[in-house]
Amino acid sequence: KTLKETLIVQKPASVRVAALLFKPDCLQHAEAKPDFVGFEIPNAFVVGYGLDYDGYGRALNDLYVVQDF
């Protein structure tokens, strides 16, 4: 939300937000919802595809839910 507001001050033609992963259960502000969503996922901790946990899992080619987190 803050980033979008900061960009709008610069008066661009438009500002759109895209998210590969979206956790609707974690959304605290309705106006912060992304305009484009790749996948909606539950409120779980995921690793892989560039996401990591303390440096582990970043290089995985798929997304995995971390159990017992």
C-alpha atoms as a PDB file:
ATOM      1  CA  LYS A   1       0.000   0.000   0.000  1.00  0.00           C
ATOM      2  CA  THR A   2       2.748   2.431   0.968  1.00  0.00           C
ATOM      3  CA  LEU A   3       4.806   1.729  -2.144  1.00  0.00           C
ATOM      4  CA  LYS A   4       1.774   2.271  -4.382  1.00  0.00           C
ATOM      5  CA  GLU A   5       0.967   5.571  -2.646  1.00  0.00           C
ATOM      6  CA  THR A   6       4.594   6.679  -3.028  1.00  0.00           C
ATOM      7  CA  LEU A   7       4.551   5.943  -6.745  1.00  0.00           C
ATOM      8  CA  ILE A   8       1.202   7.691  -7.330  1.00  0.00           C
ATOM      9  CA  VAL A   9       2.710  10.946  -5.997  1.00  0.00           C
ATOM     10  CA  GLN A  10       5.005  10.915  -9.047  1.00  0.00           C
ATOM     11  CA  LYS A  11       1.853  11.110 -11.249  1.00  0.00           C
ATOM     12  CA  PRO A  12       2.414   8.143 -13.577  1.00  0.00           C
ATOM     13  CA  ALA A  13      -0.227   7.242 -16.157  1.00  0.00           C
ATOM     14  CA  SER A  14      -1.092   4.197 -14.024  1.00  0.00           C
ATOM     15  CA  VAL A  15       0.218   2.006 -11.221  1.00  0.00           C
ATOM     16  CA  ARG A  16      -0.571  -1.716 -11.144  1.00  0.00           C
ATOM     17  CA  VAL A  17       0.599  -4.303  -8.645  1.00  0.00           C
ATOM     18  CA  ALA A  18       1.397  -7.900  -9.576  1.00  0.00           C
ATOM     19  CA  ALA A  19       2.058 -10.778  -7.176  1.00  0.00           C
ATOM     20  CA  LEU A  20       3.153 -14.293  -8.028  1.00  0.00           C
ATOM     21  CA  LEU A  21       1.744 -15.580  -4.726  1.00  0.00           C
ATOM     22  CA  PHE A  22      -1.150 -14.010  -2.840  1.00  0.00           C
ATOM     23  CA  LYS A  23      -2.369 -15.011   0.630  1.00  0.00           C
ATOM     24  CA  PRO A  24      -5.868 -13.516   0.940  1.00  0.00           C
ATOM     25  CA  ASP A  25      -6.125 -14.560   4.606  1.00  0.00           C
ATOM     26  CA  CYS A  26      -3.180 -12.259   5.394  1.00  0.00           C
ATOM     27  CA  LEU A  27      -4.639  -9.191   3.673  1.00  0.00           C
ATOM     28  CA  GLN A  28      -5.086  -6.392   6.186  1.00  0.00           C
ATOM     29  CA  HIS A  29      -6.094  -3.550   3.865  1.00  0.00           C
ATOM     30  CA  ALA A  30      -8.551  -4.086   1.016  1.00  0.00           C
ATOM     31  CA  GLU A  31      -6.899  -1.341  -1.026  1.00  0.00           C
ATOM     32  CA  ALA A  32      -3.603  -3.275  -0.910  1.00  0.00           C
ATOM     33  CA  LYS A  33      -4.937  -6.191  -2.978  1.00  0.00           C
ATOM     34  CA  PRO A  34      -2.785  -6.825  -6.070  1.00  0.00           C
ATOM     35  CA  ASP A  35      -4.248  -6.120  -9.494  1.00  0.00           C
ATOM     36  CA  PHE A  36      -2.726  -9.277 -10.977  1.00  0.00           C
ATOM     37  CA  VAL A  37      -2.280 -12.560  -9.075  1.00  0.00           C
ATOM     38  CA  GLY A  38      -0.418 -15.644 -10.259  1.00  0.00           C
ATOM     39  CA  PHE A  39      -1.638 -18.019  -7.551  1.00  0.00           C
ATOM     40  CA  GLU A  40      -3.741 -17.688  -4.414  1.00  0.00           C
ATOM     41  CA  ILE A  41      -2.295 -19.805  -1.622  1.00  0.00           C
ATOM     42  CA  PRO A  42      -3.294 -20.481   1.992  1.00  0.00           C
ATOM     43  CA  ASN A  43      -1.515 -18.781   4.876  1.00  0.00           C
ATOM     44  CA  ALA A  44       1.479 -21.141   4.844  1.00  0.00           C
ATOM     45  CA  PHE A  45       5.237 -20.602   4.767  1.00  0.00           C
ATOM     46  CA  VAL A  46       6.601 -21.538   1.344  1.00  0.00           C
ATOM     47  CA  VAL A  47      10.122 -21.980  -0.006  1.00  0.00           C
ATOM     48  CA  GLY A  48      11.573 -22.495  -3.458  1.00  0.00           C
ATOM     49  CA  TYR A  49      11.625 -20.565  -6.718  1.00  0.00           C
ATOM     50  CA  GLY A  50      13.643 -17.785  -5.093  1.00  0.00           C
ATOM     51  CA  LEU A  51      11.925 -17.871  -1.697  1.00  0.00           C
ATOM     52  CA  ASP A  52      13.962 -19.197   1.196  1.00  0.00           C
ATOM     53  CA  TYR A  53      14.040 -19.888   4.904  1.00  0.00           C
ATOM     54  CA  ASP A  54      17.293 -18.701   6.451  1.00  0.00           C
ATOM     55  CA  GLY A  55      19.084 -19.357   3.167  1.00  0.00           C
ATOM     56  CA  TYR A  56      17.605 -22.816   2.587  1.00  0.00           C
ATOM     57  CA  GLY A  57      15.306 -23.721  -0.280  1.00  0.00           C
ATOM     58  CA  ARG A  58      15.924 -20.718  -2.529  1.00  0.00           C
ATOM     59  CA  ALA A  59      17.266 -22.737  -5.461  1.00  0.00           C
ATOM     60  CA  LEU A  60      14.419 -25.266  -5.550  1.00  0.00           C
ATOM     61  CA  ASN A  61      12.641 -25.377  -8.903  1.00  0.00           C
ATOM     62  CA  ASP A  62       9.189 -25.724  -7.317  1.00  0.00           C
ATOM     63  CA  LEU A  63       7.341 -24.236  -4.353  1.00  0.00           C
ATOM     64  CA  TYR A  64       7.025 -26.245  -1.144  1.00  0.00           C
ATOM     65  CA  VAL A  65       5.129 -25.645   2.087  1.00  0.00           C
ATOM     66  CA  VAL A  66       7.374 -25.761   5.139  1.00  0.00           C
ATOM     67  CA  GLN A  67       5.777 -28.081   7.684  1.00  0.00           C
ATOM     68  CA  ASP A  68       5.983 -27.464  11.438  1.00  0.00           C
ATOM     69  CA  PHE A  69       6.803 -23.800  11.065  1.00  0.00           C
END
